[in-house]
Amino acid sequence: MSLETVTEDIREEARARAAEIREEADERAESIVADAEADAEEIRAEAEREVERQIEQEREQTLSSAKLEAKQARLEARRSVLTEVREEVESTIAGLDDDTREELTRSLLDAAATEFEDVDSVRVYGRAADQPILVGILADYEGFEYAGEYDCLGGVVVESDASRVRVNNTFDSVLEEVWEENLREISDRLFEQ
């Protein structure tokens, strides 16, 4: 064998080995690229899922916030309507005719008087405009006297030093009690859904 043949054989073997190494490298490169593409696809899919979760979370938060604002607006509107109704009731009470006012005042005074049965001197306060009515009613009660003004819609505040009792039977106190006891029913009727 000649040196040229041996050299050619070595070159041929080197070329074959180089081709084999290139083929292995290409296969390895393709495998690395395929793995990288798969990893990239998984990362992209996870990023999309995360973005979707964030969008859903923000949508839920926005929706929840909008619902809360709407609920607060409804409650404020209800409060406003209830305040208007209360003011109308107070206005109606303030505008009662004298006969009705006298009848109601007498009933409230009768109810308060039971607390002062054994007392000789009882003071009665009432709305300034009701003084003539009160003085007329008190003429029927022994030991009861008109003692002055009380800022209210009507009715009476009755007290005595002897019994240390004070009874607030004003239209305001009766309205407050009735209002509180029936607020849910009033609200339900006004805002039936």
N, C-alpha and C. Protein backbone atom coordinates (compact mmCIF):
# COMPACT_ATOMS: atom_id res chain seq x y z
N MET A 1 0.82 -1.17 0.00
CA MET A 1 0.00 0.00 0.00
C MET A 1 0.87 1.23 0.00
N SER A 2 0.42 2.04 -0.76
CA SER A 2 1.23 3.23 -0.93
C SER A 2 0.81 4.26 0.11
N LEU A 3 1.66 5.17 0.26
CA LEU A 3 1.43 6.24 1.23
C LEU A 3 0.22 7.07 0.82
N GLU A 4 0.06 7.25 -0.41
CA GLU A 4 -1.10 8.00 -0.90
C GLU A 4 -2.39 7.26 -0.57
N THR A 5 -2.39 6.01 -0.71
CA THR A 5 -3.58 5.22 -0.43
C THR A 5 -3.87 5.29 1.05
N VAL A 6 -2.87 5.17 1.85
CA VAL A 6 -3.07 5.21 3.30
C VAL A 6 -3.57 6.61 3.67
N THR A 7 -2.99 7.62 3.09
CA THR A 7 -3.40 8.98 3.37
C THR A 7 -4.85 9.17 2.93
N GLU A 8 -5.15 8.62 1.76
CA GLU A 8 -6.52 8.76 1.24
C GLU A 8 -7.49 8.02 2.15
N ASP A 9 -7.09 6.85 2.61
CA ASP A 9 -7.97 6.07 3.50
C ASP A 9 -8.21 6.85 4.81
N ILE A 10 -7.15 7.47 5.32
CA ILE A 10 -7.28 8.23 6.57
C ILE A 10 -8.19 9.43 6.34
N ARG A 11 -8.02 10.06 5.18
CA ARG A 11 -8.88 11.21 4.86
C ARG A 11 -10.33 10.75 4.73
N GLU A 12 -10.49 9.64 4.05
CA GLU A 12 -11.83 9.11 3.84
C GLU A 12 -12.44 8.79 5.20
N GLU A 13 -11.70 8.18 6.07
CA GLU A 13 -12.19 7.82 7.40
C GLU A 13 -12.49 9.11 8.19
N ALA A 14 -11.63 10.11 8.04
CA ALA A 14 -11.85 11.38 8.74
C ALA A 14 -13.09 12.06 8.22
N ARG A 15 -13.28 12.01 6.87
CA ARG A 15 -14.50 12.61 6.28
C ARG A 15 -15.74 11.89 6.79
N ALA A 16 -15.67 10.58 6.83
CA ALA A 16 -16.82 9.79 7.29
C ALA A 16 -17.11 10.11 8.76
N ARG A 17 -16.00 10.18 9.53
CA ARG A 17 -16.18 10.47 10.96
C ARG A 17 -16.72 11.89 11.12
N ALA A 18 -16.24 12.85 10.32
CA ALA A 18 -16.71 14.23 10.37
C ALA A 18 -18.18 14.29 9.98
N ALA A 19 -18.56 13.53 8.93
CA ALA A 19 -19.97 13.50 8.51
C ALA A 19 -20.82 12.92 9.61
N GLU A 20 -20.31 11.87 10.26
CA GLU A 20 -21.02 11.23 11.36
C GLU A 20 -21.18 12.22 12.52
N ILE A 21 -20.11 12.95 12.83
CA ILE A 21 -20.14 13.94 13.92
C ILE A 21 -21.12 15.06 13.56
N ARG A 22 -21.08 15.51 12.27
CA ARG A 22 -22.02 16.55 11.83
C ARG A 22 -23.45 16.06 11.95
N GLU A 23 -23.68 14.82 11.54
CA GLU A 23 -25.03 14.25 11.60
C GLU A 23 -25.50 14.15 13.05
N GLU A 24 -24.61 13.69 13.94
CA GLU A 24 -24.95 13.62 15.37
C GLU A 24 -25.20 15.03 15.92
N ALA A 25 -24.34 15.98 15.50
CA ALA A 25 -24.49 17.36 15.96
C ALA A 25 -25.80 17.95 15.44
N ASP A 26 -26.14 17.67 14.16
CA ASP A 26 -27.41 18.16 13.60
C ASP A 26 -28.59 17.57 14.36
N GLU A 27 -28.50 16.24 14.62
CA GLU A 27 -29.58 15.59 15.37
C GLU A 27 -29.68 16.19 16.77
N ARG A 28 -28.51 16.39 17.40
CA ARG A 28 -28.49 16.97 18.75
C ARG A 28 -29.03 18.40 18.70
N ALA A 29 -28.65 19.15 17.70
CA ALA A 29 -29.12 20.52 17.54
C ALA A 29 -30.62 20.54 17.31
N GLU A 30 -31.12 19.63 16.46
CA GLU A 30 -32.56 19.54 16.22
C GLU A 30 -33.30 19.19 17.51
N SER A 31 -32.72 18.28 18.30
CA SER A 31 -33.33 17.88 19.57
C SER A 31 -33.35 19.07 20.53
N ILE A 32 -32.24 19.81 20.59
CA ILE A 32 -32.16 20.98 21.47
C ILE A 32 -33.15 22.04 21.02
N VAL A 33 -33.21 22.27 19.70
CA VAL A 33 -34.17 23.26 19.17
C VAL A 33 -35.60 22.82 19.46
N ALA A 34 -35.90 21.52 19.26
CA ALA A 34 -37.25 21.00 19.52
C ALA A 34 -37.60 21.15 21.00
N ASP A 35 -36.64 20.83 21.89
CA ASP A 35 -36.87 20.98 23.33
C ASP A 35 -37.09 22.46 23.68
N ALA A 36 -36.26 23.32 23.09
CA ALA A 36 -36.38 24.75 23.35
C ALA A 36 -37.71 25.28 22.85
N GLU A 37 -38.13 24.83 21.65
CA GLU A 37 -39.42 25.26 21.12
C GLU A 37 -40.56 24.77 22.01
N ALA A 38 -40.45 23.52 22.50
CA ALA A 38 -41.48 22.98 23.39
C ALA A 38 -41.51 23.77 24.69
N ASP A 39 -40.32 24.07 25.25
CA ASP A 39 -40.25 24.88 26.47
C ASP A 39 -40.84 26.27 26.22
N ALA A 40 -40.49 26.86 25.09
CA ALA A 40 -41.01 28.18 24.75
C ALA A 40 -42.53 28.15 24.61
N GLU A 41 -43.06 27.10 24.00
CA GLU A 41 -44.52 26.96 23.84
C GLU A 41 -45.19 26.82 25.20
N GLU A 42 -44.57 26.04 26.09
CA GLU A 42 -45.12 25.85 27.43
C GLU A 42 -45.07 27.17 28.21
N ILE A 43 -43.95 27.89 28.09
CA ILE A 43 -43.82 29.19 28.77
C ILE A 43 -44.85 30.17 28.22
N ARG A 44 -45.04 30.19 26.89
CA ARG A 44 -46.02 31.07 26.27
C ARG A 44 -47.43 30.71 26.75
N ALA A 45 -47.73 29.40 26.78
CA ALA A 45 -49.06 28.95 27.22
C ALA A 45 -49.29 29.32 28.68
N GLU A 46 -48.26 29.15 29.53
CA GLU A 46 -48.39 29.50 30.94
C GLU A 46 -48.57 31.01 31.08
N ALA A 47 -47.83 31.79 30.28
CA ALA A 47 -47.97 33.25 30.31
C ALA A 47 -49.38 33.65 29.90
N GLU A 48 -49.92 32.98 28.87
CA GLU A 48 -51.29 33.27 28.43
C GLU A 48 -52.28 32.94 29.54
N ARG A 49 -52.08 31.78 30.20
CA ARG A 49 -52.98 31.40 31.30
C ARG A 49 -52.89 32.42 32.44
N GLU A 50 -51.67 32.88 32.74
CA GLU A 50 -51.49 33.87 33.80
C GLU A 50 -52.17 35.19 33.43
N VAL A 51 -52.01 35.60 32.18
CA VAL A 51 -52.67 36.82 31.72
C VAL A 51 -54.20 36.66 31.81
N GLU A 52 -54.70 35.50 31.42
CA GLU A 52 -56.15 35.24 31.51
C GLU A 52 -56.61 35.28 32.97
N ARG A 53 -55.80 34.70 33.87
CA ARG A 53 -56.15 34.73 35.30
C ARG A 53 -56.18 36.16 35.80
N GLN A 54 -55.18 36.95 35.41
CA GLN A 54 -55.14 38.34 35.84
C GLN A 54 -56.32 39.13 35.28
N ILE A 55 -56.63 38.89 34.02
CA ILE A 55 -57.78 39.57 33.40
C ILE A 55 -59.06 39.19 34.14
N GLU A 56 -59.23 37.91 34.42
CA GLU A 56 -60.44 37.44 35.14
C GLU A 56 -60.49 38.04 36.54
N GLN A 57 -59.33 38.07 37.22
CA GLN A 57 -59.28 38.63 38.56
C GLN A 57 -59.63 40.12 38.53
N GLU A 58 -59.06 40.85 37.59
CA GLU A 58 -59.37 42.28 37.47
C GLU A 58 -60.83 42.50 37.10
N ARG A 59 -61.35 41.63 36.21
CA ARG A 59 -62.76 41.74 35.84
C ARG A 59 -63.65 41.51 37.07
N GLU A 60 -63.31 40.48 37.87
CA GLU A 60 -64.08 40.20 39.08
C GLU A 60 -63.99 41.36 40.08
N GLN A 61 -62.78 41.91 40.22
CA GLN A 61 -62.61 43.04 41.14
C GLN A 61 -63.40 44.25 40.66
N THR A 62 -63.35 44.51 39.36
CA THR A 62 -64.08 45.64 38.80
C THR A 62 -65.59 45.43 38.96
N LEU A 63 -66.03 44.21 38.67
CA LEU A 63 -67.45 43.89 38.82
C LEU A 63 -67.88 44.00 40.27
N SER A 64 -67.06 43.47 41.17
CA SER A 64 -67.37 43.54 42.60
C SER A 64 -67.42 44.99 43.06
N SER A 65 -66.46 45.79 42.60
CA SER A 65 -66.43 47.20 42.97
C SER A 65 -67.66 47.93 42.43
N ALA A 66 -68.03 47.61 41.19
CA ALA A 66 -69.22 48.25 40.59
C ALA A 66 -70.48 47.84 41.35
N LYS A 67 -70.57 46.57 41.72
CA LYS A 67 -71.73 46.11 42.50
C LYS A 67 -71.81 46.82 43.84
N LEU A 68 -70.65 46.96 44.49
CA LEU A 68 -70.61 47.65 45.78
C LEU A 68 -71.02 49.11 45.62
N GLU A 69 -70.52 49.78 44.60
CA GLU A 69 -70.90 51.17 44.35
C GLU A 69 -72.39 51.29 44.08
N ALA A 70 -72.92 50.34 43.30
CA ALA A 70 -74.35 50.36 42.99
C ALA A 70 -75.17 50.14 44.26
N LYS A 71 -74.71 49.21 45.09
CA LYS A 71 -75.42 48.94 46.35
C LYS A 71 -75.39 50.16 47.25
N GLN A 72 -74.21 50.81 47.33
CA GLN A 72 -74.10 52.02 48.15
C GLN A 72 -74.99 53.13 47.61
N ALA A 73 -75.05 53.26 46.29
CA ALA A 73 -75.91 54.28 45.68
C ALA A 73 -77.37 53.99 45.98
N ARG A 74 -77.76 52.69 45.89
CA ARG A 74 -79.15 52.32 46.22
C ARG A 74 -79.45 52.63 47.68
N LEU A 75 -78.52 52.28 48.57
CA LEU A 75 -78.74 52.54 50.00
C LEU A 75 -78.84 54.04 50.27
N GLU A 76 -78.00 54.80 49.61
CA GLU A 76 -78.04 56.26 49.79
C GLU A 76 -79.37 56.81 49.27
N ALA A 77 -79.82 56.30 48.13
CA ALA A 77 -81.10 56.74 47.57
C ALA A 77 -82.23 56.36 48.52
N ARG A 78 -82.17 55.15 49.07
CA ARG A 78 -83.20 54.72 50.03
C ARG A 78 -83.18 55.61 51.26
N ARG A 79 -81.97 55.87 51.78
CA ARG A 79 -81.84 56.73 52.95
C ARG A 79 -82.46 58.10 52.66
N SER A 80 -82.18 58.61 51.47
CA SER A 80 -82.70 59.92 51.08
C SER A 80 -84.23 59.90 51.02
N VAL A 81 -84.78 58.86 50.41
CA VAL A 81 -86.24 58.75 50.31
C VAL A 81 -86.85 58.60 51.71
N LEU A 82 -86.24 57.77 52.55
CA LEU A 82 -86.75 57.61 53.92
C LEU A 82 -86.69 58.93 54.68
N THR A 83 -85.63 59.70 54.48
CA THR A 83 -85.52 61.00 55.12
C THR A 83 -86.63 61.93 54.64
N GLU A 84 -86.89 61.90 53.33
CA GLU A 84 -87.97 62.73 52.78
C GLU A 84 -89.32 62.32 53.35
N VAL A 85 -89.55 61.01 53.43
CA VAL A 85 -90.82 60.52 53.99
C VAL A 85 -90.95 60.96 55.44
N ARG A 86 -89.85 60.82 56.20
CA ARG A 86 -89.86 61.21 57.61
C ARG A 86 -90.17 62.71 57.73
N GLU A 87 -89.54 63.51 56.89
CA GLU A 87 -89.79 64.96 56.92
C GLU A 87 -91.23 65.29 56.56
N GLU A 88 -91.79 64.55 55.59
CA GLU A 88 -93.20 64.76 55.23
C GLU A 88 -94.12 64.41 56.39
N VAL A 89 -93.80 63.31 57.08
CA VAL A 89 -94.61 62.91 58.24
C VAL A 89 -94.52 63.99 59.31
N GLU A 90 -93.31 64.46 59.58
CA GLU A 90 -93.15 65.52 60.58
C GLU A 90 -93.91 66.78 60.17
N SER A 91 -93.87 67.11 58.89
CA SER A 91 -94.59 68.28 58.39
C SER A 91 -96.10 68.10 58.56
N THR A 92 -96.57 66.90 58.28
CA THR A 92 -98.00 66.60 58.44
C THR A 92 -98.40 66.73 59.91
N ILE A 93 -97.55 66.20 60.79
CA ILE A 93 -97.83 66.28 62.23
C ILE A 93 -97.83 67.75 62.68
N ALA A 94 -96.85 68.50 62.22
CA ALA A 94 -96.78 69.92 62.60
C ALA A 94 -97.99 70.69 62.12
N GLY A 95 -98.58 70.25 61.02
CA GLY A 95 -99.72 70.96 60.45
C GLY A 95 -101.08 70.43 60.87
N LEU A 96 -101.14 69.57 61.90
CA LEU A 96 -102.44 69.04 62.35
C LEU A 96 -103.37 70.18 62.77
N ASP A 97 -104.66 69.99 62.49
CA ASP A 97 -105.63 71.01 62.90
C ASP A 97 -105.76 70.99 64.43
N ASP A 98 -106.30 72.08 64.99
CA ASP A 98 -106.35 72.23 66.45
C ASP A 98 -107.14 71.13 67.14
N ASP A 99 -108.25 70.70 66.57
CA ASP A 99 -109.06 69.65 67.21
C ASP A 99 -108.28 68.34 67.31
N THR A 100 -107.64 67.96 66.22
CA THR A 100 -106.86 66.72 66.22
C THR A 100 -105.68 66.86 67.18
N ARG A 101 -105.03 68.01 67.13
CA ARG A 101 -103.88 68.26 68.01
C ARG A 101 -104.32 68.19 69.47
N GLU A 102 -105.47 68.76 69.80
CA GLU A 102 -105.95 68.73 71.19
C GLU A 102 -106.26 67.29 71.60
N GLU A 103 -106.91 66.55 70.73
CA GLU A 103 -107.27 65.15 71.05
C GLU A 103 -106.01 64.31 71.30
N LEU A 104 -105.02 64.45 70.44
CA LEU A 104 -103.79 63.68 70.60
C LEU A 104 -103.01 64.12 71.83
N THR A 105 -102.97 65.43 72.07
CA THR A 105 -102.24 65.95 73.23
C THR A 105 -102.89 65.47 74.52
N ARG A 106 -104.22 65.47 74.54
CA ARG A 106 -104.95 64.98 75.72
C ARG A 106 -104.63 63.51 75.97
N SER A 107 -104.57 62.70 74.90
CA SER A 107 -104.25 61.27 75.05
C SER A 107 -102.85 61.08 75.61
N LEU A 108 -101.91 61.87 75.09
CA LEU A 108 -100.53 61.75 75.57
C LEU A 108 -100.40 62.23 77.02
N LEU A 109 -101.14 63.28 77.38
CA LEU A 109 -101.11 63.77 78.75
C LEU A 109 -101.76 62.75 79.69
N ASP A 110 -102.86 62.14 79.27
CA ASP A 110 -103.50 61.09 80.07
C ASP A 110 -102.52 59.95 80.35
N ALA A 111 -101.79 59.53 79.31
CA ALA A 111 -100.84 58.44 79.47
C ALA A 111 -99.71 58.83 80.43
N ALA A 112 -99.25 60.09 80.34
CA ALA A 112 -98.17 60.55 81.22
C ALA A 112 -98.66 60.74 82.64
N ALA A 113 -99.90 61.16 82.80
CA ALA A 113 -100.45 61.48 84.13
C ALA A 113 -100.46 60.27 85.05
N THR A 114 -100.52 59.08 84.49
CA THR A 114 -100.54 57.87 85.34
C THR A 114 -99.26 57.75 86.17
N GLU A 115 -98.18 58.36 85.71
CA GLU A 115 -96.91 58.33 86.45
C GLU A 115 -96.90 59.32 87.62
N PHE A 116 -97.90 60.23 87.67
CA PHE A 116 -97.89 61.31 88.66
C PHE A 116 -99.16 61.31 89.51
N GLU A 117 -99.75 60.16 89.76
CA GLU A 117 -101.02 60.09 90.49
C GLU A 117 -100.91 60.56 91.93
N ASP A 118 -99.78 60.34 92.57
CA ASP A 118 -99.63 60.73 93.98
C ASP A 118 -98.80 62.00 94.16
N VAL A 119 -98.72 62.82 93.13
CA VAL A 119 -97.89 64.02 93.17
C VAL A 119 -98.80 65.25 93.16
N ASP A 120 -98.47 66.23 94.00
CA ASP A 120 -99.30 67.44 94.12
C ASP A 120 -99.00 68.48 93.04
N SER A 121 -97.74 68.57 92.61
CA SER A 121 -97.37 69.61 91.67
C SER A 121 -96.63 68.99 90.47
N VAL A 122 -97.24 69.19 89.31
CA VAL A 122 -96.68 68.61 88.08
C VAL A 122 -96.54 69.72 87.05
N ARG A 123 -95.36 69.76 86.42
CA ARG A 123 -95.11 70.76 85.38
C ARG A 123 -95.26 70.08 84.02
N VAL A 124 -95.89 70.82 83.10
CA VAL A 124 -96.11 70.32 81.75
C VAL A 124 -95.51 71.30 80.75
N TYR A 125 -94.69 70.76 79.85
CA TYR A 125 -94.07 71.58 78.81
C TYR A 125 -94.64 71.12 77.47
N GLY A 126 -94.67 72.06 76.53
CA GLY A 126 -95.17 71.70 75.21
C GLY A 126 -94.70 72.70 74.16
N ARG A 127 -95.13 72.44 72.96
CA ARG A 127 -94.78 73.33 71.84
C ARG A 127 -95.37 74.71 72.11
N ALA A 128 -94.59 75.74 71.81
CA ALA A 128 -95.01 77.11 72.10
C ALA A 128 -96.36 77.43 71.48
N ALA A 129 -96.58 77.00 70.24
CA ALA A 129 -97.84 77.29 69.55
C ALA A 129 -99.01 76.55 70.18
N ASP A 130 -98.73 75.51 70.96
CA ASP A 130 -99.80 74.72 71.59
C ASP A 130 -100.16 75.23 72.99
N GLN A 131 -99.55 76.30 73.43
CA GLN A 131 -99.82 76.79 74.79
C GLN A 131 -101.31 76.96 75.06
N PRO A 132 -102.09 77.62 74.19
CA PRO A 132 -103.53 77.77 74.49
C PRO A 132 -104.23 76.41 74.63
N ILE A 133 -103.88 75.47 73.79
CA ILE A 133 -104.50 74.14 73.87
C ILE A 133 -104.12 73.48 75.20
N LEU A 134 -102.82 73.54 75.54
CA LEU A 134 -102.35 72.91 76.78
C LEU A 134 -102.99 73.53 78.02
N VAL A 135 -103.05 74.86 78.04
CA VAL A 135 -103.66 75.53 79.20
C VAL A 135 -105.12 75.09 79.35
N GLY A 136 -105.84 74.97 78.24
CA GLY A 136 -107.23 74.51 78.28
C GLY A 136 -107.34 73.08 78.78
N ILE A 137 -106.47 72.21 78.32
CA ILE A 137 -106.50 70.80 78.75
C ILE A 137 -106.12 70.70 80.23
N LEU A 138 -105.09 71.44 80.65
CA LEU A 138 -104.58 71.33 82.03
C LEU A 138 -105.62 71.80 83.06
N ALA A 139 -106.61 72.56 82.62
CA ALA A 139 -107.67 72.98 83.54
C ALA A 139 -108.40 71.76 84.10
N ASP A 140 -108.37 70.64 83.38
CA ASP A 140 -109.04 69.41 83.81
C ASP A 140 -108.16 68.55 84.73
N TYR A 141 -106.93 68.96 84.97
CA TYR A 141 -105.99 68.16 85.77
C TYR A 141 -105.59 68.94 87.02
N GLU A 142 -105.89 68.40 88.18
CA GLU A 142 -105.56 69.07 89.44
C GLU A 142 -104.07 68.95 89.71
N GLY A 143 -103.42 70.08 90.01
CA GLY A 143 -102.00 70.09 90.34
C GLY A 143 -101.08 70.16 89.12
N PHE A 144 -101.64 70.17 87.93
CA PHE A 144 -100.84 70.25 86.70
C PHE A 144 -100.83 71.69 86.22
N GLU A 145 -99.65 72.17 85.80
CA GLU A 145 -99.58 73.54 85.30
C GLU A 145 -98.66 73.60 84.08
N TYR A 146 -98.98 74.55 83.20
CA TYR A 146 -98.15 74.77 82.02
C TYR A 146 -96.86 75.45 82.49
N ALA A 147 -95.69 74.85 82.15
CA ALA A 147 -94.42 75.35 82.67
C ALA A 147 -93.56 76.01 81.61
N GLY A 148 -93.95 75.91 80.33
CA GLY A 148 -93.17 76.59 79.31
C GLY A 148 -93.00 75.78 78.04
N GLU A 149 -92.14 76.32 77.21
CA GLU A 149 -91.95 75.75 75.88
C GLU A 149 -91.02 74.54 75.90
N TYR A 150 -91.29 73.63 74.96
CA TYR A 150 -90.40 72.50 74.70
C TYR A 150 -90.33 72.38 73.18
N ASP A 151 -89.14 72.31 72.64
CA ASP A 151 -88.96 72.27 71.19
C ASP A 151 -89.37 70.88 70.67
N CYS A 152 -90.56 70.84 70.12
CA CYS A 152 -91.08 69.57 69.61
C CYS A 152 -92.20 69.84 68.61
N LEU A 153 -92.71 68.78 68.01
CA LEU A 153 -93.81 68.89 67.05
C LEU A 153 -95.17 69.03 67.74
N GLY A 154 -95.20 68.71 69.00
CA GLY A 154 -96.45 68.73 69.76
C GLY A 154 -96.36 67.69 70.86
N GLY A 155 -97.47 67.55 71.60
CA GLY A 155 -97.47 66.61 72.71
C GLY A 155 -96.98 67.28 73.96
N VAL A 156 -96.52 66.48 74.93
CA VAL A 156 -96.15 67.03 76.23
C VAL A 156 -94.90 66.37 76.79
N VAL A 157 -94.21 67.14 77.63
CA VAL A 157 -93.17 66.61 78.51
C VAL A 157 -93.64 66.96 79.90
N VAL A 158 -93.76 65.93 80.74
CA VAL A 158 -94.34 66.10 82.07
C VAL A 158 -93.28 65.71 83.09
N GLU A 159 -93.14 66.57 84.14
CA GLU A 159 -92.16 66.26 85.16
C GLU A 159 -92.60 66.78 86.52
N SER A 160 -91.94 66.25 87.54
CA SER A 160 -92.22 66.68 88.90
C SER A 160 -90.96 66.48 89.73
N ASP A 161 -90.67 67.47 90.58
CA ASP A 161 -89.52 67.33 91.48
C ASP A 161 -89.80 66.27 92.53
N ALA A 162 -91.02 66.16 92.94
CA ALA A 162 -91.38 65.24 94.02
C ALA A 162 -91.12 63.79 93.62
N SER A 163 -91.40 63.42 92.39
CA SER A 163 -91.23 62.02 92.00
C SER A 163 -89.97 61.79 91.17
N ARG A 164 -89.29 62.88 90.82
CA ARG A 164 -88.07 62.80 90.01
C ARG A 164 -88.29 62.00 88.73
N VAL A 165 -89.48 62.12 88.22
CA VAL A 165 -89.83 61.42 86.98
C VAL A 165 -90.05 62.45 85.90
N ARG A 166 -89.61 62.12 84.72
CA ARG A 166 -89.86 62.98 83.56
C ARG A 166 -90.37 62.07 82.44
N VAL A 167 -91.54 62.40 81.94
CA VAL A 167 -92.14 61.60 80.86
C VAL A 167 -92.17 62.44 79.59
N ASN A 168 -91.54 61.91 78.56
CA ASN A 168 -91.52 62.59 77.27
C ASN A 168 -92.56 61.93 76.37
N ASN A 169 -93.73 62.53 76.31
CA ASN A 169 -94.80 62.05 75.44
C ASN A 169 -95.05 63.08 74.35
N THR A 170 -93.98 63.44 73.67
CA THR A 170 -94.12 64.38 72.56
C THR A 170 -94.47 63.60 71.29
N PHE A 171 -95.00 64.31 70.33
CA PHE A 171 -95.26 63.68 69.04
C PHE A 171 -93.95 63.14 68.47
N ASP A 172 -92.86 63.88 68.73
CA ASP A 172 -91.54 63.47 68.24
C ASP A 172 -91.14 62.11 68.80
N SER A 173 -91.31 61.94 70.12
CA SER A 173 -90.90 60.68 70.74
C SER A 173 -91.78 59.52 70.27
N VAL A 174 -93.07 59.79 70.10
CA VAL A 174 -93.97 58.75 69.60
C VAL A 174 -93.59 58.40 68.16
N LEU A 175 -93.35 59.43 67.35
CA LEU A 175 -92.95 59.20 65.96
C LEU A 175 -91.66 58.40 65.92
N GLU A 176 -90.68 58.76 66.74
CA GLU A 176 -89.40 58.06 66.75
C GLU A 176 -89.59 56.58 67.09
N GLU A 177 -90.41 56.32 68.09
CA GLU A 177 -90.66 54.93 68.50
C GLU A 177 -91.35 54.15 67.38
N VAL A 178 -92.39 54.73 66.82
CA VAL A 178 -93.13 54.07 65.73
C VAL A 178 -92.21 53.90 64.52
N TRP A 179 -91.43 54.91 64.22
CA TRP A 179 -90.53 54.86 63.06
C TRP A 179 -89.53 53.71 63.23
N GLU A 180 -88.89 53.65 64.39
CA GLU A 180 -87.88 52.61 64.63
C GLU A 180 -88.51 51.21 64.60
N GLU A 181 -89.68 51.07 65.20
CA GLU A 181 -90.33 49.76 65.24
C GLU A 181 -90.78 49.30 63.86
N ASN A 182 -91.10 50.25 62.98
CA ASN A 182 -91.67 49.91 61.68
C ASN A 182 -90.79 50.26 60.49
N LEU A 183 -89.55 50.60 60.74
CA LEU A 183 -88.66 51.04 59.67
C LEU A 183 -88.51 49.99 58.58
N ARG A 184 -88.34 48.74 58.97
CA ARG A 184 -88.20 47.67 57.97
C ARG A 184 -89.46 47.56 57.11
N GLU A 185 -90.62 47.60 57.74
CA GLU A 185 -91.87 47.51 56.98
C GLU A 185 -92.05 48.73 56.07
N ILE A 186 -91.72 49.90 56.59
CA ILE A 186 -91.81 51.13 55.79
C ILE A 186 -90.90 51.00 54.57
N SER A 187 -89.68 50.57 54.83
CA SER A 187 -88.71 50.41 53.75
C SER A 187 -89.18 49.38 52.72
N ASP A 188 -89.69 48.25 53.23
CA ASP A 188 -90.18 47.20 52.33
C ASP A 188 -91.31 47.73 51.44
N ARG A 189 -92.22 48.50 52.02
CA ARG A 189 -93.32 49.02 51.23
C ARG A 189 -92.87 50.05 50.20
N LEU A 190 -91.93 50.88 50.61
CA LEU A 190 -91.43 51.91 49.70
C LEU A 190 -90.59 51.33 48.57
N PHE A 191 -89.86 50.26 48.88
CA PHE A 191 -88.90 49.74 47.92
C PHE A 191 -89.18 48.27 47.55
N GLU A 192 -90.44 47.95 47.38
CA GLU A 192 -90.79 46.57 46.97
C GLU A 192 -90.03 46.23 45.69
N GLN A 193 -89.50 45.01 45.67
CA GLN A 193 -88.70 44.61 44.49
C GLN A 193 -89.37 43.48 43.78
